[in-house]
mmCIF file of all heavy atoms, coordinates in Angstrom:
data_MODEL
# 
_entry.id   MODEL 
# 
loop_
_atom_site.group_PDB 
_atom_site.id 
_atom_site.type_symbol 
_atom_site.label_atom_id 
_atom_site.label_alt_id 
_atom_site.label_comp_id 
_atom_site.label_asym_id 
_atom_site.label_entity_id 
_atom_site.label_seq_id 
_atom_site.pdbx_PDB_ins_code 
_atom_site.Cartn_x 
_atom_site.Cartn_y 
_atom_site.Cartn_z 
_atom_site.occupancy 
_atom_site.B_iso_or_equiv 
_atom_site.pdbx_formal_charge 
_atom_site.auth_seq_id 
_atom_site.auth_comp_id 
_atom_site.auth_asym_id 
_atom_site.auth_atom_id 
_atom_site.pdbx_PDB_model_num 
ATOM 1   N N   . PHE A 1 1  ? 124.460 -39.788 -157.407 1.00 0.00 ? 1  PHE A N   1 
ATOM 2   C CA  . PHE A 1 1  ? 123.949 -41.002 -158.021 1.00 0.00 ? 1  PHE A CA  1 
ATOM 3   C C   . PHE A 1 1  ? 122.599 -40.700 -158.643 1.00 0.00 ? 1  PHE A C   1 
ATOM 4   O O   . PHE A 1 1  ? 121.960 -39.706 -158.310 1.00 0.00 ? 1  PHE A O   1 
ATOM 5   C CB  . PHE A 1 1  ? 123.856 -42.167 -157.023 1.00 0.00 ? 1  PHE A CB  1 
ATOM 6   C CG  . PHE A 1 1  ? 122.765 -42.041 -156.008 1.00 0.00 ? 1  PHE A CG  1 
ATOM 7   C CD1 . PHE A 1 1  ? 121.548 -42.650 -156.223 1.00 0.00 ? 1  PHE A CD1 1 
ATOM 8   C CD2 . PHE A 1 1  ? 122.966 -41.334 -154.836 1.00 0.00 ? 1  PHE A CD2 1 
ATOM 9   C CE1 . PHE A 1 1  ? 120.535 -42.557 -155.281 1.00 0.00 ? 1  PHE A CE1 1 
ATOM 10  C CE2 . PHE A 1 1  ? 121.971 -41.228 -153.894 1.00 0.00 ? 1  PHE A CE2 1 
ATOM 11  C CZ  . PHE A 1 1  ? 120.750 -41.839 -154.113 1.00 0.00 ? 1  PHE A CZ  1 
ATOM 12  N N   . SER A 1 2  ? 122.187 -41.556 -159.562 1.00 0.00 ? 2  SER A N   1 
ATOM 13  C CA  . SER A 1 2  ? 120.948 -41.314 -160.286 1.00 0.00 ? 2  SER A CA  1 
ATOM 14  C C   . SER A 1 2  ? 120.114 -42.584 -160.325 1.00 0.00 ? 2  SER A C   1 
ATOM 15  O O   . SER A 1 2  ? 120.650 -43.694 -160.387 1.00 0.00 ? 2  SER A O   1 
ATOM 16  C CB  . SER A 1 2  ? 121.278 -40.861 -161.708 1.00 0.00 ? 2  SER A CB  1 
ATOM 17  O OG  . SER A 1 2  ? 120.099 -40.589 -162.408 1.00 0.00 ? 2  SER A OG  1 
ATOM 18  N N   . THR A 1 3  ? 118.815 -42.376 -160.315 1.00 0.00 ? 3  THR A N   1 
ATOM 19  C CA  . THR A 1 3  ? 117.898 -43.505 -160.396 1.00 0.00 ? 3  THR A CA  1 
ATOM 20  C C   . THR A 1 3  ? 116.626 -43.072 -161.117 1.00 0.00 ? 3  THR A C   1 
ATOM 21  O O   . THR A 1 3  ? 116.007 -42.082 -160.744 1.00 0.00 ? 3  THR A O   1 
ATOM 22  C CB  . THR A 1 3  ? 117.587 -44.059 -158.989 1.00 0.00 ? 3  THR A CB  1 
ATOM 23  O OG1 . THR A 1 3  ? 116.742 -45.202 -159.124 1.00 0.00 ? 3  THR A OG1 1 
ATOM 24  C CG2 . THR A 1 3  ? 116.945 -43.048 -158.090 1.00 0.00 ? 3  THR A CG2 1 
ATOM 25  N N   . PRO A 1 4  ? 116.247 -43.763 -162.184 1.00 0.00 ? 4  PRO A N   1 
ATOM 26  C CA  . PRO A 1 4  ? 115.005 -43.419 -162.889 1.00 0.00 ? 4  PRO A CA  1 
ATOM 27  C C   . PRO A 1 4  ? 113.787 -44.017 -162.178 1.00 0.00 ? 4  PRO A C   1 
ATOM 28  O O   . PRO A 1 4  ? 113.902 -44.948 -161.385 1.00 0.00 ? 4  PRO A O   1 
ATOM 29  C CB  . PRO A 1 4  ? 115.196 -44.078 -164.261 1.00 0.00 ? 4  PRO A CB  1 
ATOM 30  C CG  . PRO A 1 4  ? 116.085 -45.241 -163.979 1.00 0.00 ? 4  PRO A CG  1 
ATOM 31  C CD  . PRO A 1 4  ? 116.990 -44.823 -162.851 1.00 0.00 ? 4  PRO A CD  1 
ATOM 32  N N   . TRP A 1 5  ? 112.632 -43.468 -162.492 1.00 0.00 ? 5  TRP A N   1 
ATOM 33  C CA  . TRP A 1 5  ? 111.396 -44.042 -161.959 1.00 0.00 ? 5  TRP A CA  1 
ATOM 34  C C   . TRP A 1 5  ? 111.027 -45.318 -162.680 1.00 0.00 ? 5  TRP A C   1 
ATOM 35  O O   . TRP A 1 5  ? 110.457 -46.233 -162.101 1.00 0.00 ? 5  TRP A O   1 
ATOM 36  C CB  . TRP A 1 5  ? 110.241 -43.048 -162.071 1.00 0.00 ? 5  TRP A CB  1 
ATOM 37  C CG  . TRP A 1 5  ? 110.274 -42.031 -160.977 1.00 0.00 ? 5  TRP A CG  1 
ATOM 38  C CD1 . TRP A 1 5  ? 110.657 -40.723 -161.089 1.00 0.00 ? 5  TRP A CD1 1 
ATOM 39  C CD2 . TRP A 1 5  ? 109.958 -42.238 -159.605 1.00 0.00 ? 5  TRP A CD2 1 
ATOM 40  N NE1 . TRP A 1 5  ? 110.591 -40.104 -159.867 1.00 0.00 ? 5  TRP A NE1 1 
ATOM 41  C CE2 . TRP A 1 5  ? 110.162 -41.015 -158.931 1.00 0.00 ? 5  TRP A CE2 1 
ATOM 42  C CE3 . TRP A 1 5  ? 109.508 -43.328 -158.876 1.00 0.00 ? 5  TRP A CE3 1 
ATOM 43  C CZ2 . TRP A 1 5  ? 109.937 -40.857 -157.575 1.00 0.00 ? 5  TRP A CZ2 1 
ATOM 44  C CZ3 . TRP A 1 5  ? 109.284 -43.173 -157.513 1.00 0.00 ? 5  TRP A CZ3 1 
ATOM 45  C CH2 . TRP A 1 5  ? 109.500 -41.946 -156.886 1.00 0.00 ? 5  TRP A CH2 1 
ATOM 46  N N   . SER A 1 6  ? 111.335 -45.375 -163.988 1.00 0.00 ? 6  SER A N   1 
ATOM 47  C CA  . SER A 1 6  ? 110.932 -46.537 -164.769 1.00 0.00 ? 6  SER A CA  1 
ATOM 48  C C   . SER A 1 6  ? 111.791 -46.638 -166.016 1.00 0.00 ? 6  SER A C   1 
ATOM 49  O O   . SER A 1 6  ? 112.204 -45.616 -166.573 1.00 0.00 ? 6  SER A O   1 
ATOM 50  C CB  . SER A 1 6  ? 109.467 -46.394 -165.194 1.00 0.00 ? 6  SER A CB  1 
ATOM 51  O OG  . SER A 1 6  ? 109.086 -47.417 -166.084 1.00 0.00 ? 6  SER A OG  1 
ATOM 52  N N   . PRO A 1 7  ? 112.035 -47.852 -166.485 1.00 0.00 ? 7  PRO A N   1 
ATOM 53  C CA  . PRO A 1 7  ? 112.623 -47.995 -167.808 1.00 0.00 ? 7  PRO A CA  1 
ATOM 54  C C   . PRO A 1 7  ? 111.643 -47.454 -168.850 1.00 0.00 ? 7  PRO A C   1 
ATOM 55  O O   . PRO A 1 7  ? 110.445 -47.299 -168.566 1.00 0.00 ? 7  PRO A O   1 
ATOM 56  C CB  . PRO A 1 7  ? 112.779 -49.509 -167.973 1.00 0.00 ? 7  PRO A CB  1 
ATOM 57  C CG  . PRO A 1 7  ? 112.700 -50.071 -166.590 1.00 0.00 ? 7  PRO A CG  1 
ATOM 58  C CD  . PRO A 1 7  ? 111.824 -49.129 -165.819 1.00 0.00 ? 7  PRO A CD  1 
ATOM 59  N N   . PRO A 1 8  ? 112.115 -47.176 -170.061 1.00 0.00 ? 8  PRO A N   1 
ATOM 60  C CA  . PRO A 1 8  ? 111.196 -46.752 -171.123 1.00 0.00 ? 8  PRO A CA  1 
ATOM 61  C C   . PRO A 1 8  ? 110.086 -47.792 -171.341 1.00 0.00 ? 8  PRO A C   1 
ATOM 62  O O   . PRO A 1 8  ? 110.325 -48.995 -171.213 1.00 0.00 ? 8  PRO A O   1 
ATOM 63  C CB  . PRO A 1 8  ? 112.092 -46.653 -172.354 1.00 0.00 ? 8  PRO A CB  1 
ATOM 64  C CG  . PRO A 1 8  ? 113.469 -46.451 -171.808 1.00 0.00 ? 8  PRO A CG  1 
ATOM 65  C CD  . PRO A 1 8  ? 113.503 -47.228 -170.518 1.00 0.00 ? 8  PRO A CD  1 
ATOM 66  N N   . ALA A 1 9  ? 108.920 -47.320 -171.670 1.00 0.00 ? 9  ALA A N   1 
ATOM 67  C CA  . ALA A 1 9  ? 107.764 -48.210 -171.828 1.00 0.00 ? 9  ALA A CA  1 
ATOM 68  C C   . ALA A 1 9  ? 108.017 -49.326 -172.827 1.00 0.00 ? 9  ALA A C   1 
ATOM 69  O O   . ALA A 1 9  ? 107.615 -50.470 -172.595 1.00 0.00 ? 9  ALA A O   1 
ATOM 70  C CB  . ALA A 1 9  ? 106.539 -47.391 -172.233 1.00 0.00 ? 9  ALA A CB  1 
ATOM 71  N N   . TRP A 1 10 ? 108.704 -49.028 -173.923 1.00 0.00 ? 10 TRP A N   1 
ATOM 72  C CA  . TRP A 1 10 ? 108.913 -50.042 -174.965 1.00 0.00 ? 10 TRP A CA  1 
ATOM 73  C C   . TRP A 1 10 ? 109.826 -51.175 -174.508 1.00 0.00 ? 10 TRP A C   1 
ATOM 74  O O   . TRP A 1 10 ? 109.869 -52.225 -175.145 1.00 0.00 ? 10 TRP A O   1 
ATOM 75  C CB  . TRP A 1 10 ? 109.423 -49.413 -176.260 1.00 0.00 ? 10 TRP A CB  1 
ATOM 76  C CG  . TRP A 1 10 ? 110.741 -48.704 -176.146 1.00 0.00 ? 10 TRP A CG  1 
ATOM 77  C CD1 . TRP A 1 10 ? 110.953 -47.388 -175.837 1.00 0.00 ? 10 TRP A CD1 1 
ATOM 78  C CD2 . TRP A 1 10 ? 112.037 -49.260 -176.362 1.00 0.00 ? 10 TRP A CD2 1 
ATOM 79  N NE1 . TRP A 1 10 ? 112.294 -47.096 -175.842 1.00 0.00 ? 10 TRP A NE1 1 
ATOM 80  C CE2 . TRP A 1 10 ? 112.988 -48.225 -176.166 1.00 0.00 ? 10 TRP A CE2 1 
ATOM 81  C CE3 . TRP A 1 10 ? 112.496 -50.535 -176.706 1.00 0.00 ? 10 TRP A CE3 1 
ATOM 82  C CZ2 . TRP A 1 10 ? 114.357 -48.420 -176.291 1.00 0.00 ? 10 TRP A CZ2 1 
ATOM 83  C CZ3 . TRP A 1 10 ? 113.869 -50.736 -176.835 1.00 0.00 ? 10 TRP A CZ3 1 
ATOM 84  C CH2 . TRP A 1 10 ? 114.773 -49.694 -176.634 1.00 0.00 ? 10 TRP A CH2 1 
ATOM 85  N N   . MET A 1 11 ? 110.514 -51.014 -173.388 1.00 0.00 ? 11 MET A N   1 
ATOM 86  C CA  . MET A 1 11 ? 111.389 -52.065 -172.861 1.00 0.00 ? 11 MET A CA  1 
ATOM 87  C C   . MET A 1 11 ? 110.661 -52.961 -171.862 1.00 0.00 ? 11 MET A C   1 
ATOM 88  O O   . MET A 1 11 ? 111.229 -53.928 -171.363 1.00 0.00 ? 11 MET A O   1 
ATOM 89  C CB  . MET A 1 11 ? 112.600 -51.451 -172.154 1.00 0.00 ? 11 MET A CB  1 
ATOM 90  C CG  . MET A 1 11 ? 113.568 -50.780 -173.063 1.00 0.00 ? 11 MET A CG  1 
ATOM 91  S SD  . MET A 1 11 ? 114.982 -50.235 -172.097 1.00 0.00 ? 11 MET A SD  1 
ATOM 92  C CE  . MET A 1 11 ? 115.973 -49.498 -173.377 1.00 0.00 ? 11 MET A CE  1 
ATOM 93  N N   . LYS A 1 12 ? 109.405 -52.657 -171.584 1.00 0.00 ? 12 LYS A N   1 
ATOM 94  C CA  . LYS A 1 12 ? 108.683 -53.340 -170.518 1.00 0.00 ? 12 LYS A CA  1 
ATOM 95  C C   . LYS A 1 12 ? 107.484 -54.121 -171.039 1.00 0.00 ? 12 LYS A C   1 
ATOM 96  O O   . LYS A 1 12 ? 106.909 -53.784 -172.066 1.00 0.00 ? 12 LYS A O   1 
ATOM 97  C CB  . LYS A 1 12 ? 108.184 -52.305 -169.504 1.00 0.00 ? 12 LYS A CB  1 
ATOM 98  C CG  . LYS A 1 12 ? 109.300 -51.571 -168.816 1.00 0.00 ? 12 LYS A CG  1 
ATOM 99  C CD  . LYS A 1 12 ? 108.848 -50.397 -168.002 1.00 0.00 ? 12 LYS A CD  1 
ATOM 100 C CE  . LYS A 1 12 ? 107.505 -50.518 -167.387 1.00 0.00 ? 12 LYS A CE  1 
ATOM 101 N NZ  . LYS A 1 12 ? 107.078 -49.350 -166.647 1.00 0.00 ? 12 LYS A NZ  1 
ATOM 102 N N   . THR A 1 13 ? 107.107 -55.134 -170.272 1.00 0.00 ? 13 THR A N   1 
ATOM 103 C CA  . THR A 1 13 ? 105.862 -55.825 -170.567 1.00 0.00 ? 13 THR A CA  1 
ATOM 104 C C   . THR A 1 13 ? 104.730 -54.820 -170.396 1.00 0.00 ? 13 THR A C   1 
ATOM 105 O O   . THR A 1 13 ? 104.778 -53.971 -169.511 1.00 0.00 ? 13 THR A O   1 
ATOM 106 C CB  . THR A 1 13 ? 105.650 -57.020 -169.624 1.00 0.00 ? 13 THR A CB  1 
ATOM 107 O OG1 . THR A 1 13 ? 105.639 -56.550 -168.276 1.00 0.00 ? 13 THR A OG1 1 
ATOM 108 C CG2 . THR A 1 13 ? 106.742 -58.063 -169.780 1.00 0.00 ? 13 THR A CG2 1 
ATOM 109 N N   . GLY A 1 14 ? 103.755 -54.867 -171.249 1.00 0.00 ? 14 GLY A N   1 
ATOM 110 C CA  . GLY A 1 14 ? 102.632 -53.947 -171.171 1.00 0.00 ? 14 GLY A CA  1 
ATOM 111 C C   . GLY A 1 14 ? 102.855 -52.655 -171.928 1.00 0.00 ? 14 GLY A C   1 
ATOM 112 O O   . GLY A 1 14 ? 101.936 -51.877 -172.119 1.00 0.00 ? 14 GLY A O   1 
ATOM 113 N N   . ASP A 1 15 ? 104.102 -52.391 -172.370 1.00 0.00 ? 15 ASP A N   1 
ATOM 114 C CA  . ASP A 1 15 ? 104.424 -51.187 -173.146 1.00 0.00 ? 15 ASP A CA  1 
ATOM 115 C C   . ASP A 1 15 ? 103.893 -49.905 -172.513 1.00 0.00 ? 15 ASP A C   1 
ATOM 116 O O   . ASP A 1 15 ? 103.411 -49.011 -173.200 1.00 0.00 ? 15 ASP A O   1 
ATOM 117 C CB  . ASP A 1 15 ? 103.918 -51.316 -174.585 1.00 0.00 ? 15 ASP A CB  1 
ATOM 118 C CG  . ASP A 1 15 ? 104.632 -52.422 -175.337 1.00 0.00 ? 15 ASP A CG  1 
ATOM 119 O OD1 . ASP A 1 15 ? 105.869 -52.467 -175.282 1.00 0.00 ? 15 ASP A OD1 1 
ATOM 120 O OD2 . ASP A 1 15 ? 103.951 -53.256 -175.969 1.00 0.00 ? 15 ASP A OD2 1 
ATOM 121 N N   . SER A 1 16 ? 103.963 -49.813 -171.205 1.00 0.00 ? 16 SER A N   1 
ATOM 122 C CA  . SER A 1 16 ? 103.496 -48.635 -170.479 1.00 0.00 ? 16 SER A CA  1 
ATOM 123 C C   . SER A 1 16 ? 104.502 -48.281 -169.397 1.00 0.00 ? 16 SER A C   1 
ATOM 124 O O   . SER A 1 16 ? 105.171 -49.160 -168.850 1.00 0.00 ? 16 SER A O   1 
ATOM 125 C CB  . SER A 1 16 ? 102.137 -48.919 -169.842 1.00 0.00 ? 16 SER A CB  1 
ATOM 126 O OG  . SER A 1 16 ? 101.758 -47.857 -168.987 1.00 0.00 ? 16 SER A OG  1 
ATOM 127 N N   . LEU A 1 17 ? 104.600 -46.998 -169.076 1.00 0.00 ? 17 LEU A N   1 
ATOM 128 C CA  . LEU A 1 17 ? 105.431 -46.598 -167.940 1.00 0.00 ? 17 LEU A CA  1 
ATOM 129 C C   . LEU A 1 17 ? 104.808 -47.047 -166.630 1.00 0.00 ? 17 LEU A C   1 
ATOM 130 O O   . LEU A 1 17 ? 105.496 -47.263 -165.641 1.00 0.00 ? 17 LEU A O   1 
ATOM 131 C CB  . LEU A 1 17 ? 105.613 -45.079 -167.917 1.00 0.00 ? 17 LEU A CB  1 
ATOM 132 C CG  . LEU A 1 17 ? 106.488 -44.501 -169.017 1.00 0.00 ? 17 LEU A CG  1 
ATOM 133 C CD1 . LEU A 1 17 ? 106.511 -42.984 -168.933 1.00 0.00 ? 17 LEU A CD1 1 
ATOM 134 C CD2 . LEU A 1 17 ? 107.896 -45.054 -168.935 1.00 0.00 ? 17 LEU A CD2 1 
ATOM 135 N N   . LEU A 1 18 ? 103.495 -47.200 -166.612 1.00 0.00 ? 18 LEU A N   1 
ATOM 136 C CA  . LEU A 1 18 ? 102.764 -47.559 -165.396 1.00 0.00 ? 18 LEU A CA  1 
ATOM 137 C C   . LEU A 1 18 ? 102.620 -49.071 -165.296 1.00 0.00 ? 18 LEU A C   1 
ATOM 138 O O   . LEU A 1 18 ? 101.701 -49.662 -165.840 1.00 0.00 ? 18 LEU A O   1 
ATOM 139 C CB  . LEU A 1 18 ? 101.390 -46.901 -165.384 1.00 0.00 ? 18 LEU A CB  1 
ATOM 140 C CG  . LEU A 1 18 ? 101.375 -45.389 -165.537 1.00 0.00 ? 18 LEU A CG  1 
ATOM 141 C CD1 . LEU A 1 18 ? 99.943  -44.869 -165.585 1.00 0.00 ? 18 LEU A CD1 1 
ATOM 142 C CD2 . LEU A 1 18 ? 102.147 -44.722 -164.420 1.00 0.00 ? 18 LEU A CD2 1 
ATOM 143 N N   . GLY A 1 19 ? 103.544 -49.706 -164.595 1.00 0.00 ? 19 GLY A N   1 
ATOM 144 C CA  . GLY A 1 19 ? 103.453 -51.141 -164.374 1.00 0.00 ? 19 GLY A CA  1 
ATOM 145 C C   . GLY A 1 19 ? 104.337 -51.946 -165.294 1.00 0.00 ? 19 GLY A C   1 
ATOM 146 O O   . GLY A 1 19 ? 105.172 -51.419 -166.009 1.00 0.00 ? 19 GLY A O   1 
ATOM 147 N N   . GLY A 1 20 ? 104.129 -53.248 -165.242 1.00 0.00 ? 20 GLY A N   1 
ATOM 148 C CA  . GLY A 1 20 ? 104.915 -54.157 -166.045 1.00 0.00 ? 20 GLY A CA  1 
ATOM 149 C C   . GLY A 1 20 ? 106.278 -54.416 -165.438 1.00 0.00 ? 20 GLY A C   1 
ATOM 150 O O   . GLY A 1 20 ? 106.589 -53.991 -164.331 1.00 0.00 ? 20 GLY A O   1 
ATOM 151 N N   . SER A 1 21 ? 107.091 -55.137 -166.177 1.00 0.00 ? 21 SER A N   1 
ATOM 152 C CA  . SER A 1 21 ? 108.452 -55.430 -165.754 1.00 0.00 ? 21 SER A CA  1 
ATOM 153 C C   . SER A 1 21 ? 109.356 -55.406 -166.980 1.00 0.00 ? 21 SER A C   1 
ATOM 154 O O   . SER A 1 21 ? 108.877 -55.436 -168.112 1.00 0.00 ? 21 SER A O   1 
ATOM 155 C CB  . SER A 1 21 ? 108.514 -56.785 -165.048 1.00 0.00 ? 21 SER A CB  1 
ATOM 156 O OG  . SER A 1 21 ? 108.049 -57.810 -165.894 1.00 0.00 ? 21 SER A OG  1 
ATOM 157 N N   . MET A 1 22 ? 110.640 -55.335 -166.727 1.00 0.00 ? 22 MET A N   1 
ATOM 158 C CA  . MET A 1 22 ? 111.605 -55.294 -167.833 1.00 0.00 ? 22 MET A CA  1 
ATOM 159 C C   . MET A 1 22 ? 111.538 -56.578 -168.646 1.00 0.00 ? 22 MET A C   1 
ATOM 160 O O   . MET A 1 22 ? 111.400 -57.667 -168.099 1.00 0.00 ? 22 MET A O   1 
ATOM 161 C CB  . MET A 1 22 ? 113.034 -55.149 -167.294 1.00 0.00 ? 22 MET A CB  1 
ATOM 162 C CG  . MET A 1 22 ? 113.460 -53.759 -167.015 1.00 0.00 ? 22 MET A CG  1 
ATOM 163 S SD  . MET A 1 22 ? 113.600 -52.704 -168.467 1.00 0.00 ? 22 MET A SD  1 
ATOM 164 C CE  . MET A 1 22 ? 115.002 -53.413 -169.298 1.00 0.00 ? 22 MET A CE  1 
ATOM 165 N N   . ARG A 1 23 ? 111.663 -56.417 -169.942 1.00 0.00 ? 23 ARG A N   1 
ATOM 166 C CA  . ARG A 1 23 ? 111.861 -57.576 -170.807 1.00 0.00 ? 23 ARG A CA  1 
ATOM 167 C C   . ARG A 1 23 ? 113.360 -57.851 -170.802 1.00 0.00 ? 23 ARG A C   1 
ATOM 168 O O   . ARG A 1 23 ? 114.159 -56.964 -171.100 1.00 0.00 ? 23 ARG A O   1 
ATOM 169 C CB  . ARG A 1 23 ? 111.367 -57.279 -172.215 1.00 0.00 ? 23 ARG A CB  1 
ATOM 170 C CG  . ARG A 1 23 ? 109.877 -57.093 -172.296 1.00 0.00 ? 23 ARG A CG  1 
ATOM 171 C CD  . ARG A 1 23 ? 109.454 -56.789 -173.732 1.00 0.00 ? 23 ARG A CD  1 
ATOM 172 N NE  . ARG A 1 23 ? 108.030 -56.798 -173.853 1.00 0.00 ? 23 ARG A NE  1 
ATOM 173 C CZ  . ARG A 1 23 ? 107.320 -55.778 -174.324 1.00 0.00 ? 23 ARG A CZ  1 
ATOM 174 N NH1 . ARG A 1 23 ? 107.908 -54.666 -174.712 1.00 0.00 ? 23 ARG A NH1 1 
ATOM 175 N NH2 . ARG A 1 23 ? 106.013 -55.874 -174.409 1.00 0.00 ? 23 ARG A NH2 1 
ATOM 176 N N   . LYS A 1 24 ? 113.729 -59.060 -170.434 1.00 0.00 ? 24 LYS A N   1 
ATOM 177 C CA  . LYS A 1 24 ? 115.144 -59.382 -170.238 1.00 0.00 ? 24 LYS A CA  1 
ATOM 178 C C   . LYS A 1 24 ? 115.995 -59.101 -171.478 1.00 0.00 ? 24 LYS A C   1 
ATOM 179 O O   . LYS A 1 24 ? 117.153 -58.722 -171.356 1.00 0.00 ? 24 LYS A O   1 
ATOM 180 C CB  . LYS A 1 24 ? 115.311 -60.829 -169.804 1.00 0.00 ? 24 LYS A CB  1 
ATOM 181 C CG  . LYS A 1 24 ? 114.853 -61.072 -168.380 1.00 0.00 ? 24 LYS A CG  1 
ATOM 182 C CD  . LYS A 1 24 ? 115.125 -62.494 -167.955 1.00 0.00 ? 24 LYS A CD  1 
ATOM 183 C CE  . LYS A 1 24 ? 114.687 -62.696 -166.523 1.00 0.00 ? 24 LYS A CE  1 
ATOM 184 N NZ  . LYS A 1 24 ? 115.014 -64.019 -166.022 1.00 0.00 ? 24 LYS A NZ  1 
ATOM 185 N N   . HIS A 1 25 ? 115.436 -59.255 -172.653 1.00 0.00 ? 25 HIS A N   1 
ATOM 186 C CA  . HIS A 1 25 ? 116.252 -59.045 -173.851 1.00 0.00 ? 25 HIS A CA  1 
ATOM 187 C C   . HIS A 1 25 ? 116.595 -57.567 -174.072 1.00 0.00 ? 25 HIS A C   1 
ATOM 188 O O   . HIS A 1 25 ? 117.375 -57.243 -174.960 1.00 0.00 ? 25 HIS A O   1 
ATOM 189 C CB  . HIS A 1 25 ? 115.604 -59.678 -175.089 1.00 0.00 ? 25 HIS A CB  1 
ATOM 190 C CG  . HIS A 1 25 ? 114.252 -59.135 -175.451 1.00 0.00 ? 25 HIS A CG  1 
ATOM 191 N ND1 . HIS A 1 25 ? 113.092 -59.625 -174.900 1.00 0.00 ? 25 HIS A ND1 1 
ATOM 192 C CD2 . HIS A 1 25 ? 113.884 -58.166 -176.300 1.00 0.00 ? 25 HIS A CD2 1 
ATOM 193 C CE1 . HIS A 1 25 ? 112.066 -58.963 -175.398 1.00 0.00 ? 25 HIS A CE1 1 
ATOM 194 N NE2 . HIS A 1 25 ? 112.515 -58.077 -176.248 1.00 0.00 ? 25 HIS A NE2 1 
# 
């Protein structure tokens, strides 16, 4: 099985790998 540390920054609030949350769209 596989699990990433974070979604891509551009998919998240804050546009950063460090923090934020997924944008539902």
